Amino acid sequence: MRSFLLEPVDRSRVKTWLLVTATVAVSVIVVFSVREALGNGTPRRGAAASTLAAAQLRLAESSRPGVRVLFIGNSFTAANSLPNMVRRLAAPSSGSRPVFPVAYDPSGSQLHQAVVDPELLQLLRGVRWNVVVVQEQSQLPALPYWLHASTLPAVRQLVAMIRSRGGEPVLFETWGYEQGDPMNITWDSYRAMQTRLHAGYFYLSHKEDVPVAAVGDAWAQALRQRPAAPMWSGDGKHPSLEGSYLAAVVIAAAVLQQSSPGHKAITVNRGYTAGLASATAAWLQRVGLTTAREPSPALDAK
């Protein structure tokens, strides 16, 4: 066998090799940039364990009567202790069954990573969950290629695992970024991104016959009513306290609907405001409950 290094130098071959090498390097950089832009870095190990509330996990594992709710998501779920908000809002009266929420929410996690994480698999198998709330990374359902290539297979796998254990899955439709997603869609906007997210989640709902907690829809309704409402935190992506509270209202209603089938008068604990002004909390409750009862089948992109 001849070695290339022992052959006479061919300048044209060297130029071709350098061009190919440079092209491959640029391609790798582009792919890496796209992966980073989508939050596709591998979540740090132990992140899920650090966010699990040990006391709530013990309650979920116990034999005490209650509604066991597992949240699968990332920092959008973790922000402002959303699962705890849901717990407080889903207790409208002293006679209601308590909610025992547990969260698997490593920062930046995507569902295709979650379905192969031993920590999540152990959680799914270790408790008889009544409801499992599933939240995908905040851009993927709004991007058709990633929706079909990554999100749909992961949702299909999760739904099968959840239902095999007797649980009810619920999709957590997130909200668009304040300025849209111009890194992936040129001249994007909040409304355009929200329209794509809404379509993506309802596509998943149709394909897998899973209900949607239409949080993004509720955000859109709130911003139509009060365009200056501070729904985002400073980064224009993660939720403010108001944004998380509205999300919690919608999800609490979904949890109650799934854990109490046939119960029409779904409401929430009106006395729990999460530290918001009572008038603000009451408005967000009205918007969230209205959306939970009558989610929009589609949103325009105006």
C-alpha atoms as a PDB file:
ATOM      1  CA  MET A   1       0.000   0.000   0.000  1.00  0.00           C
ATOM      2  CA  ARG A   2       1.393   3.417  -0.885  1.00  0.00           C
ATOM      3  CA  SER A   3       1.443   6.210   1.628  1.00  0.00           C
ATOM      4  CA  PHE A   4       0.270   9.625   0.500  1.00  0.00           C
ATOM      5  CA  LEU A   5       3.042  11.208   2.578  1.00  0.00           C
ATOM      6  CA  LEU A   6       5.719   9.382   0.560  1.00  0.00           C
ATOM      7  CA  GLU A   7       4.370  10.485  -2.792  1.00  0.00           C
ATOM      8  CA  PRO A   8       5.685  13.555  -4.646  1.00  0.00           C
ATOM      9  CA  VAL A   9       3.802  16.698  -3.699  1.00  0.00           C
ATOM     10  CA  ASP A  10       1.030  17.535  -6.154  1.00  0.00           C
ATOM     11  CA  ARG A  11       0.128  21.220  -5.701  1.00  0.00           C
ATOM     12  CA  SER A  12      -3.344  20.839  -7.197  1.00  0.00           C
ATOM     13  CA  ARG A  13      -4.111  17.960  -4.823  1.00  0.00           C
ATOM     14  CA  VAL A  14      -2.902  20.005  -1.856  1.00  0.00           C
ATOM     15  CA  LYS A  15      -5.111  22.910  -2.859  1.00  0.00           C
ATOM     16  CA  THR A  16      -8.090  20.583  -3.243  1.00  0.00           C
ATOM     17  CA  TRP A  17      -7.405  18.957   0.123  1.00  0.00           C
ATOM     18  CA  LEU A  18      -7.129  22.370   1.841  1.00  0.00           C
ATOM     19  CA  LEU A  19     -10.398  23.493   0.234  1.00  0.00           C
ATOM     20  CA  VAL A  20     -12.233  20.339   1.325  1.00  0.00           C
ATOM     21  CA  THR A  21     -10.801  20.613   4.850  1.00  0.00           C
ATOM     22  CA  ALA A  22     -11.854  24.240   5.142  1.00  0.00           C
ATOM     23  CA  THR A  23     -15.365  23.419   3.869  1.00  0.00           C
ATOM     24  CA  VAL A  24     -15.753  20.600   6.388  1.00  0.00           C
ATOM     25  CA  ALA A  25     -14.519  22.828   9.204  1.00  0.00           C
ATOM     26  CA  VAL A  26     -16.993  25.573   8.299  1.00  0.00           C
ATOM     27  CA  SER A  27     -19.794  22.987   8.110  1.00  0.00           C
ATOM     28  CA  VAL A  28     -18.932  21.701  11.557  1.00  0.00           C
ATOM     29  CA  ILE A  29     -18.928  25.240  12.945  1.00  0.00           C
ATOM     30  CA  VAL A  30     -22.300  25.979  11.342  1.00  0.00           C
ATOM     31  CA  VAL A  31     -23.852  22.756  12.667  1.00  0.00           C
ATOM     32  CA  PHE A  32     -22.422  23.461  16.118  1.00  0.00           C
ATOM     33  CA  SER A  33     -23.799  27.014  16.004  1.00  0.00           C
ATOM     34  CA  VAL A  34     -27.250  25.782  15.030  1.00  0.00           C
ATOM     35  CA  ARG A  35     -27.190  23.210  17.826  1.00  0.00           C
ATOM     36  CA  GLU A  36     -26.163  25.870  20.342  1.00  0.00           C
ATOM     37  CA  ALA A  37     -28.797  28.285  19.025  1.00  0.00           C
ATOM     38  CA  LEU A  38     -31.412  25.634  19.649  1.00  0.00           C
ATOM     39  CA  GLY A  39     -30.180  24.989  23.155  1.00  0.00           C
ATOM     40  CA  ASN A  40     -28.975  21.587  22.006  1.00  0.00           C
ATOM     41  CA  GLY A  41     -25.993  21.339  24.324  1.00  0.00           C
ATOM     42  CA  THR A  42     -26.009  18.283  26.560  1.00  0.00           C
ATOM     43  CA  PRO A  43     -27.568  19.205  29.925  1.00  0.00           C
ATOM     44  CA  ARG A  44     -25.140  19.135  32.794  1.00  0.00           C
ATOM     45  CA  ARG A  45     -25.263  15.878  34.689  1.00  0.00           C
ATOM     46  CA  GLY A  46     -27.033  16.059  37.992  1.00  0.00           C
ATOM     47  CA  ALA A  47     -29.101  19.069  36.915  1.00  0.00           C
ATOM     48  CA  ALA A  48     -32.337  17.104  37.124  1.00  0.00           C
ATOM     49  CA  ALA A  49     -31.514  15.734  40.542  1.00  0.00           C
ATOM     50  CA  SER A  50     -30.706  19.209  41.851  1.00  0.00           C
ATOM     51  CA  THR A  51     -34.166  20.465  40.887  1.00  0.00           C
ATOM     52  CA  LEU A  52     -36.134  17.605  42.393  1.00  0.00           C
ATOM     53  CA  ALA A  53     -37.869  18.649  45.589  1.00  0.00           C
ATOM     54  CA  ALA A  54     -37.055  15.739  47.861  1.00  0.00           C
ATOM     55  CA  ALA A  55     -40.090  16.271  50.060  1.00  0.00           C
ATOM     56  CA  GLN A  56     -42.468  16.322  47.107  1.00  0.00           C
ATOM     57  CA  LEU A  57     -40.846  13.242  45.633  1.00  0.00           C
ATOM     58  CA  ARG A  58     -41.334  11.400  48.916  1.00  0.00           C
ATOM     59  CA  LEU A  59     -45.002  12.407  48.895  1.00  0.00           C
ATOM     60  CA  ALA A  60     -45.391  11.234  45.308  1.00  0.00           C
ATOM     61  CA  GLU A  61     -43.812   7.907  46.218  1.00  0.00           C
ATOM     62  CA  SER A  62     -45.973   7.512  49.328  1.00  0.00           C
ATOM     63  CA  SER A  63     -49.408   5.934  49.622  1.00  0.00           C
ATOM     64  CA  ARG A  64     -51.069   9.207  50.640  1.00  0.00           C
ATOM     65  CA  PRO A  65     -54.148  10.185  48.604  1.00  0.00           C
ATOM     66  CA  GLY A  66     -53.317  12.894  46.089  1.00  0.00           C
ATOM     67  CA  VAL A  67     -52.765  13.787  42.455  1.00  0.00           C
ATOM     68  CA  ARG A  68     -49.229  12.912  41.365  1.00  0.00           C
ATOM     69  CA  VAL A  69     -47.944  15.239  38.657  1.00  0.00           C
ATOM     70  CA  LEU A  70     -44.571  14.935  36.921  1.00  0.00           C
ATOM     71  CA  PHE A  71     -43.239  17.894  34.939  1.00  0.00           C
ATOM     72  CA  ILE A  72     -40.811  17.116  32.104  1.00  0.00           C
ATOM     73  CA  GLY A  73     -39.216  20.262  30.739  1.00  0.00           C
ATOM     74  CA  ASN A  74     -36.345  22.685  31.207  1.00  0.00           C
ATOM     75  CA  SER A  75     -35.774  26.216  32.517  1.00  0.00           C
ATOM     76  CA  PHE A  76     -39.173  27.376  31.208  1.00  0.00           C
ATOM     77  CA  THR A  77     -40.753  24.889  33.627  1.00  0.00           C
ATOM     78  CA  ALA A  78     -38.291  25.628  36.432  1.00  0.00           C
ATOM     79  CA  ALA A  79     -38.647  29.432  36.292  1.00  0.00           C
ATOM     80  CA  ASN A  80     -40.447  30.951  39.282  1.00  0.00           C
ATOM     81  CA  SER A  81     -41.144  27.455  40.698  1.00  0.00           C
ATOM     82  CA  LEU A  82     -43.958  26.804  38.223  1.00  0.00           C
ATOM     83  CA  PRO A  83     -44.754  23.288  39.562  1.00  0.00           C
ATOM     84  CA  ASN A  84     -45.263  24.723  43.042  1.00  0.00           C
ATOM     85  CA  MET A  85     -47.564  27.406  41.610  1.00  0.00           C
ATOM     86  CA  VAL A  86     -49.594  24.657  39.965  1.00  0.00           C
ATOM     87  CA  ARG A  87     -49.770  22.822  43.295  1.00  0.00           C
ATOM     88  CA  ARG A  88     -51.134  25.913  45.049  1.00  0.00           C
ATOM     89  CA  LEU A  89     -53.568  26.844  42.281  1.00  0.00           C
ATOM     90  CA  ALA A  90     -54.934  23.302  41.884  1.00  0.00           C
ATOM     91  CA  ALA A  91     -56.253  23.292  45.461  1.00  0.00           C
ATOM     92  CA  PRO A  92     -59.420  25.423  45.131  1.00  0.00           C
ATOM     93  CA  SER A  93     -60.986  24.089  48.333  1.00  0.00           C
ATOM     94  CA  SER A  94     -59.931  22.348  51.523  1.00  0.00           C
ATOM     95  CA  GLY A  95     -61.687  19.178  50.408  1.00  0.00           C
ATOM     96  CA  SER A  96     -59.717  18.837  47.157  1.00  0.00           C
ATOM     97  CA  ARG A  97     -57.078  16.185  46.716  1.00  0.00           C
ATOM     98  CA  PRO A  98     -53.600  17.656  47.177  1.00  0.00           C
ATOM     99  CA  VAL A  99     -51.263  17.809  44.204  1.00  0.00           C
ATOM    100  CA  PHE A 100     -47.784  16.294  44.593  1.00  0.00           C
ATOM    101  CA  PRO A 101     -45.644  17.843  41.825  1.00  0.00           C
ATOM    102  CA  VAL A 102     -42.164  16.659  40.906  1.00  0.00           C
ATOM    103  CA  ALA A 103     -40.033  18.338  38.234  1.00  0.00           C
ATOM    104  CA  TYR A 104     -37.443  16.987  35.829  1.00  0.00           C
ATOM    105  CA  ASP A 105     -36.182  20.241  34.296  1.00  0.00           C
ATOM    106  CA  PRO A 106     -32.466  20.377  33.398  1.00  0.00           C
ATOM    107  CA  SER A 107     -31.575  23.719  31.836  1.00  0.00           C
ATOM    108  CA  GLY A 108     -31.633  23.543  28.042  1.00  0.00           C
ATOM    109  CA  SER A 109     -33.008  20.018  27.930  1.00  0.00           C
ATOM    110  CA  GLN A 110     -34.763  18.724  24.832  1.00  0.00           C
ATOM    111  CA  LEU A 111     -37.201  15.835  24.830  1.00  0.00           C
ATOM    112  CA  HIS A 112     -35.002  13.618  22.673  1.00  0.00           C
ATOM    113  CA  GLN A 113     -32.390  13.874  25.444  1.00  0.00           C
ATOM    114  CA  ALA A 114     -34.940  13.340  28.204  1.00  0.00           C
ATOM    115  CA  VAL A 115     -36.224  10.033  26.831  1.00  0.00           C
ATOM    116  CA  VAL A 116     -32.777   8.437  27.205  1.00  0.00           C
ATOM    117  CA  ASP A 117     -31.862   9.990  30.556  1.00  0.00           C
ATOM    118  CA  PRO A 118     -31.741   7.296  33.294  1.00  0.00           C
ATOM    119  CA  GLU A 119     -32.902   9.852  35.882  1.00  0.00           C
ATOM    120  CA  LEU A 120     -36.138  10.500  34.015  1.00  0.00           C
ATOM    121  CA  LEU A 121     -36.692   6.842  33.218  1.00  0.00           C
ATOM    122  CA  GLN A 122     -36.326   6.042  36.905  1.00  0.00           C
ATOM    123  CA  LEU A 123     -38.848   8.744  37.773  1.00  0.00           C
ATOM    124  CA  LEU A 124     -41.353   7.474  35.221  1.00  0.00           C
ATOM    125  CA  ARG A 125     -41.083   3.916  36.504  1.00  0.00           C
ATOM    126  CA  GLY A 126     -40.854   4.709  40.207  1.00  0.00           C
ATOM    127  CA  VAL A 127     -44.191   6.501  40.721  1.00  0.00           C
ATOM    128  CA  ARG A 128     -47.725   5.948  39.489  1.00  0.00           C
ATOM    129  CA  TRP A 129     -48.155   9.414  37.975  1.00  0.00           C
ATOM    130  CA  ASN A 130     -51.694  10.655  37.419  1.00  0.00           C
ATOM    131  CA  VAL A 131     -50.619  13.416  35.023  1.00  0.00           C
ATOM    132  CA  VAL A 132     -47.315  14.067  33.225  1.00  0.00           C
ATOM    133  CA  VAL A 133     -46.828  17.578  31.808  1.00  0.00           C
ATOM    134  CA  VAL A 134     -44.464  17.528  28.803  1.00  0.00           C
ATOM    135  CA  GLN A 135     -42.610  20.683  27.652  1.00  0.00           C
ATOM    136  CA  GLU A 136     -40.267  20.708  24.665  1.00  0.00           C
ATOM    137  CA  GLN A 137     -37.339  23.097  24.190  1.00  0.00           C
ATOM    138  CA  SER A 138     -38.808  26.500  23.358  1.00  0.00           C
ATOM    139  CA  GLN A 139     -37.859  26.722  19.649  1.00  0.00           C
ATOM    140  CA  LEU A 140     -38.142  23.191  18.264  1.00  0.00           C
ATOM    141  CA  PRO A 141     -41.939  22.882  17.845  1.00  0.00           C
ATOM    142  CA  ALA A 142     -41.871  26.137  15.848  1.00  0.00           C
ATOM    143  CA  LEU A 143     -39.313  24.757  13.351  1.00  0.00           C
ATOM    144  CA  PRO A 144     -40.875  22.144  11.010  1.00  0.00           C
ATOM    145  CA  TYR A 145     -37.734  20.055  10.470  1.00  0.00           C
ATOM    146  CA  TRP A 146     -36.998  19.744  14.196  1.00  0.00           C
ATOM    147  CA  LEU A 147     -40.675  19.213  15.004  1.00  0.00           C
ATOM    148  CA  HIS A 148     -40.797  16.133  12.772  1.00  0.00           C
ATOM    149  CA  ALA A 149     -37.248  14.842  13.207  1.00  0.00           C
ATOM    150  CA  SER A 150     -36.801  15.344  16.951  1.00  0.00           C
ATOM    151  CA  THR A 151     -39.901  16.391  18.886  1.00  0.00           C
ATOM    152  CA  LEU A 152     -42.507  14.047  17.406  1.00  0.00           C
ATOM    153  CA  PRO A 153     -40.500  10.815  17.931  1.00  0.00           C
ATOM    154  CA  ALA A 154     -39.637  11.849  21.498  1.00  0.00           C
ATOM    155  CA  VAL A 155     -43.239  12.766  22.330  1.00  0.00           C
ATOM    156  CA  ARG A 156     -44.425   9.467  20.845  1.00  0.00           C
ATOM    157  CA  GLN A 157     -41.983   7.547  23.036  1.00  0.00           C
ATOM    158  CA  LEU A 158     -42.859   9.504  26.174  1.00  0.00           C
ATOM    159  CA  VAL A 159     -46.601   9.181  25.628  1.00  0.00           C
ATOM    160  CA  ALA A 160     -46.259   5.409  25.263  1.00  0.00           C
ATOM    161  CA  MET A 161     -44.250   5.167  28.496  1.00  0.00           C
ATOM    162  CA  ILE A 162     -46.646   7.420  30.412  1.00  0.00           C
ATOM    163  CA  ARG A 163     -49.756   5.576  29.278  1.00  0.00           C
ATOM    164  CA  SER A 164     -48.223   2.174  29.899  1.00  0.00           C
ATOM    165  CA  ARG A 165     -48.054   3.184  33.571  1.00  0.00           C
ATOM    166  CA  GLY A 166     -51.653   4.446  33.656  1.00  0.00           C
ATOM    167  CA  GLY A 167     -50.803   8.146  33.501  1.00  0.00           C
ATOM    168  CA  GLU A 168     -52.300  10.931  31.409  1.00  0.00           C
ATOM    169  CA  PRO A 169     -49.874  13.031  29.321  1.00  0.00           C
ATOM    170  CA  VAL A 170     -50.470  16.752  28.757  1.00  0.00           C
ATOM    171  CA  LEU A 171     -48.468  18.895  26.329  1.00  0.00           C
ATOM    172  CA  PHE A 172     -47.253  22.230  27.719  1.00  0.00           C
ATOM    173  CA  GLU A 173     -47.445  24.683  24.802  1.00  0.00           C
ATOM    174  CA  THR A 174     -44.860  27.377  25.471  1.00  0.00           C
ATOM    175  CA  TRP A 175     -44.858  31.012  24.279  1.00  0.00           C
ATOM    176  CA  GLY A 176     -42.988  32.851  21.553  1.00  0.00           C
ATOM    177  CA  TYR A 177     -39.940  34.971  22.331  1.00  0.00           C
ATOM    178  CA  GLU A 178     -40.552  38.699  22.727  1.00  0.00           C
ATOM    179  CA  GLN A 179     -38.641  39.405  19.493  1.00  0.00           C
ATOM    180  CA  GLY A 180     -39.384  36.081  17.822  1.00  0.00           C
ATOM    181  CA  ASP A 181     -36.581  33.751  16.715  1.00  0.00           C
ATOM    182  CA  PRO A 182     -34.590  35.733  14.098  1.00  0.00           C
ATOM    183  CA  MET A 183     -31.592  33.415  14.506  1.00  0.00           C
ATOM    184  CA  ASN A 184     -33.614  30.727  12.718  1.00  0.00           C
ATOM    185  CA  ILE A 185     -36.341  32.726  10.921  1.00  0.00           C
ATOM    186  CA  THR A 186     -35.353  36.012   9.267  1.00  0.00           C
ATOM    187  CA  TRP A 187     -37.550  38.958  10.218  1.00  0.00           C
ATOM    188  CA  ASP A 188     -39.352  36.871  12.805  1.00  0.00           C
ATOM    189  CA  SER A 189     -41.692  38.319  15.447  1.00  0.00           C
ATOM    190  CA  TYR A 190     -43.394  37.233  18.634  1.00  0.00           C
ATOM    191  CA  ARG A 191     -46.734  36.725  16.905  1.00  0.00           C
ATOM    192  CA  ALA A 192     -45.222  34.739  14.041  1.00  0.00           C
ATOM    193  CA  MET A 193     -43.251  32.508  16.402  1.00  0.00           C
ATOM    194  CA  GLN A 194     -46.299  32.016  18.614  1.00  0.00           C
ATOM    195  CA  THR A 195     -48.375  31.022  15.597  1.00  0.00           C
ATOM    196  CA  ARG A 196     -45.808  28.372  14.656  1.00  0.00           C
ATOM    197  CA  LEU A 197     -45.555  27.069  18.225  1.00  0.00           C
ATOM    198  CA  HIS A 198     -49.325  26.813  18.501  1.00  0.00           C
ATOM    199  CA  ALA A 199     -49.530  24.940  15.196  1.00  0.00           C
ATOM    200  CA  GLY A 200     -46.671  22.648  16.220  1.00  0.00           C
ATOM    201  CA  TYR A 201     -48.167  21.667  19.559  1.00  0.00           C
ATOM    202  CA  PHE A 202     -51.615  21.063  18.123  1.00  0.00           C
ATOM    203  CA  TYR A 203     -50.036  18.953  15.389  1.00  0.00           C
ATOM    204  CA  LEU A 204     -48.443  16.831  18.121  1.00  0.00           C
ATOM    205  CA  SER A 205     -51.785  16.721  19.914  1.00  0.00           C
ATOM    206  CA  HIS A 206     -53.501  15.451  16.770  1.00  0.00           C
ATOM    207  CA  LYS A 207     -50.811  12.881  15.966  1.00  0.00           C
ATOM    208  CA  GLU A 208     -50.638  11.380  19.472  1.00  0.00           C
ATOM    209  CA  ASP A 209     -54.148  12.176  20.782  1.00  0.00           C
ATOM    210  CA  VAL A 210     -52.778  14.182  23.710  1.00  0.00           C
ATOM    211  CA  PRO A 211     -54.460  17.253  25.266  1.00  0.00           C
ATOM    212  CA  VAL A 212     -52.640  20.582  25.180  1.00  0.00           C
ATOM    213  CA  ALA A 213     -52.294  23.047  28.030  1.00  0.00           C
ATOM    214  CA  ALA A 214     -52.363  26.051  25.685  1.00  0.00           C
ATOM    215  CA  VAL A 215     -50.147  28.358  27.722  1.00  0.00           C
ATOM    216  CA  GLY A 216     -48.815  30.149  24.645  1.00  0.00           C
ATOM    217  CA  ASP A 217     -52.377  30.818  23.531  1.00  0.00           C
ATOM    218  CA  ALA A 218     -53.150  32.314  26.960  1.00  0.00           C
ATOM    219  CA  TRP A 219     -50.096  34.580  26.663  1.00  0.00           C
ATOM    220  CA  ALA A 220     -51.334  35.757  23.256  1.00  0.00           C
ATOM    221  CA  GLN A 221     -54.779  36.514  24.686  1.00  0.00           C
ATOM    222  CA  ALA A 222     -53.279  38.397  27.633  1.00  0.00           C
ATOM    223  CA  LEU A 223     -51.065  40.502  25.356  1.00  0.00           C
ATOM    224  CA  ARG A 224     -54.011  41.322  23.108  1.00  0.00           C
ATOM    225  CA  GLN A 225     -55.836  42.678  26.131  1.00  0.00           C
ATOM    226  CA  ARG A 226     -52.840  44.406  27.699  1.00  0.00           C
ATOM    227  CA  PRO A 227     -49.987  44.827  25.182  1.00  0.00           C
ATOM    228  CA  ALA A 228     -47.672  46.258  27.849  1.00  0.00           C
ATOM    229  CA  ALA A 229     -48.148  43.359  30.268  1.00  0.00           C
ATOM    230  CA  PRO A 230     -44.675  42.271  31.513  1.00  0.00           C
ATOM    231  CA  MET A 231     -44.910  38.616  30.518  1.00  0.00           C
ATOM    232  CA  TRP A 232     -41.208  38.049  29.779  1.00  0.00           C
ATOM    233  CA  SER A 233     -38.194  38.357  32.025  1.00  0.00           C
ATOM    234  CA  GLY A 234     -35.261  40.549  31.022  1.00  0.00           C
ATOM    235  CA  ASP A 235     -33.962  38.136  28.372  1.00  0.00           C
ATOM    236  CA  GLY A 236     -37.185  38.268  26.342  1.00  0.00           C
ATOM    237  CA  LYS A 237     -37.464  34.471  26.447  1.00  0.00           C
ATOM    238  CA  HIS A 238     -38.032  33.218  29.982  1.00  0.00           C
ATOM    239  CA  PRO A 239     -41.213  34.133  31.843  1.00  0.00           C
ATOM    240  CA  SER A 240     -41.639  36.889  34.378  1.00  0.00           C
ATOM    241  CA  LEU A 241     -43.606  36.130  37.536  1.00  0.00           C
ATOM    242  CA  GLU A 242     -46.771  37.162  35.673  1.00  0.00           C
ATOM    243  CA  GLY A 243     -45.883  34.887  32.771  1.00  0.00           C
ATOM    244  CA  SER A 244     -45.275  31.870  34.994  1.00  0.00           C
ATOM    245  CA  TYR A 245     -48.437  32.549  36.982  1.00  0.00           C
ATOM    246  CA  LEU A 246     -50.565  32.600  33.825  1.00  0.00           C
ATOM    247  CA  ALA A 247     -48.876  29.381  32.687  1.00  0.00           C
ATOM    248  CA  ALA A 248     -49.609  27.799  36.062  1.00  0.00           C
ATOM    249  CA  VAL A 249     -53.308  28.703  35.844  1.00  0.00           C
ATOM    250  CA  VAL A 250     -53.640  26.982  32.465  1.00  0.00           C
ATOM    251  CA  ILE A 251     -51.685  23.911  33.580  1.00  0.00           C
ATOM    252  CA  ALA A 252     -53.554  23.670  36.895  1.00  0.00           C
ATOM    253  CA  ALA A 253     -56.822  23.628  34.960  1.00  0.00           C
ATOM    254  CA  ALA A 254     -55.436  20.889  32.682  1.00  0.00           C
ATOM    255  CA  VAL A 255     -54.298  18.841  35.681  1.00  0.00           C
ATOM    256  CA  LEU A 256     -57.733  19.130  37.278  1.00  0.00           C
ATOM    257  CA  GLN A 257     -59.442  18.197  34.010  1.00  0.00           C
ATOM    258  CA  GLN A 258     -57.254  15.117  33.536  1.00  0.00           C
ATOM    259  CA  SER A 259     -57.401  13.981  37.171  1.00  0.00           C
ATOM    260  CA  SER A 260     -61.161  14.603  37.493  1.00  0.00           C
ATOM    261  CA  PRO A 261     -62.688  13.536  34.155  1.00  0.00           C
ATOM    262  CA  GLY A 262     -66.241  14.700  33.641  1.00  0.00           C
ATOM    263  CA  HIS A 263     -65.871  17.567  36.098  1.00  0.00           C
ATOM    264  CA  LYS A 264     -67.082  20.614  34.165  1.00  0.00           C
ATOM    265  CA  ALA A 265     -66.656  23.485  36.648  1.00  0.00           C
ATOM    266  CA  ILE A 266     -62.874  23.678  36.600  1.00  0.00           C
ATOM    267  CA  THR A 267     -61.555  26.551  38.706  1.00  0.00           C
ATOM    268  CA  VAL A 268     -58.425  27.426  40.663  1.00  0.00           C
ATOM    269  CA  ASN A 269     -57.528  28.692  44.104  1.00  0.00           C
ATOM    270  CA  ARG A 270     -58.458  32.347  43.705  1.00  0.00           C
ATOM    271  CA  GLY A 271     -56.795  33.273  46.997  1.00  0.00           C
ATOM    272  CA  TYR A 272     -53.319  32.282  45.815  1.00  0.00           C
ATOM    273  CA  THR A 273     -51.604  35.195  44.037  1.00  0.00           C
ATOM    274  CA  ALA A 274     -47.893  34.158  44.183  1.00  0.00           C
ATOM    275  CA  GLY A 275     -47.089  37.636  45.489  1.00  0.00           C
ATOM    276  CA  LEU A 276     -48.760  39.481  42.596  1.00  0.00           C
ATOM    277  CA  ALA A 277     -51.244  42.275  43.170  1.00  0.00           C
ATOM    278  CA  SER A 278     -54.659  40.728  43.710  1.00  0.00           C
ATOM    279  CA  ALA A 279     -56.155  42.545  40.693  1.00  0.00           C
ATOM    280  CA  THR A 280     -53.342  41.313  38.434  1.00  0.00           C
ATOM    281  CA  ALA A 281     -53.696  37.739  39.695  1.00  0.00           C
ATOM    282  CA  ALA A 282     -57.476  37.843  39.206  1.00  0.00           C
ATOM    283  CA  TRP A 283     -57.043  39.063  35.612  1.00  0.00           C
ATOM    284  CA  LEU A 284     -54.478  36.370  34.820  1.00  0.00           C
ATOM    285  CA  GLN A 285     -56.793  33.741  36.318  1.00  0.00           C
ATOM    286  CA  ARG A 286     -59.649  34.905  34.077  1.00  0.00           C
ATOM    287  CA  VAL A 287     -57.461  34.799  30.965  1.00  0.00           C
ATOM    288  CA  GLY A 288     -55.966  31.419  31.862  1.00  0.00           C
ATOM    289  CA  LEU A 289     -59.261  29.725  32.703  1.00  0.00           C
ATOM    290  CA  THR A 290     -60.970  31.116  29.598  1.00  0.00           C
ATOM    291  CA  THR A 291     -58.146  29.757  27.439  1.00  0.00           C
ATOM    292  CA  ALA A 292     -58.145  26.412  29.243  1.00  0.00           C
ATOM    293  CA  ARG A 293     -61.852  25.984  28.575  1.00  0.00           C
ATOM    294  CA  GLU A 294     -61.792  27.185  24.967  1.00  0.00           C
ATOM    295  CA  PRO A 295     -58.285  27.033  23.418  1.00  0.00           C
ATOM    296  CA  SER A 296     -57.983  28.597  19.983  1.00  0.00           C
ATOM    297  CA  PRO A 297     -57.507  26.019  17.196  1.00  0.00           C
ATOM    298  CA  ALA A 298     -55.161  28.419  15.398  1.00  0.00           C
ATOM    299  CA  LEU A 299     -53.591  31.856  15.740  1.00  0.00           C
ATOM    300  CA  ASP A 300     -52.962  34.440  13.047  1.00  0.00           C
ATOM    301  CA  ALA A 301     -49.519  35.893  12.544  1.00  0.00           C
ATOM    302  CA  LYS A 302     -50.420  39.588  12.727  1.00  0.00           C
END
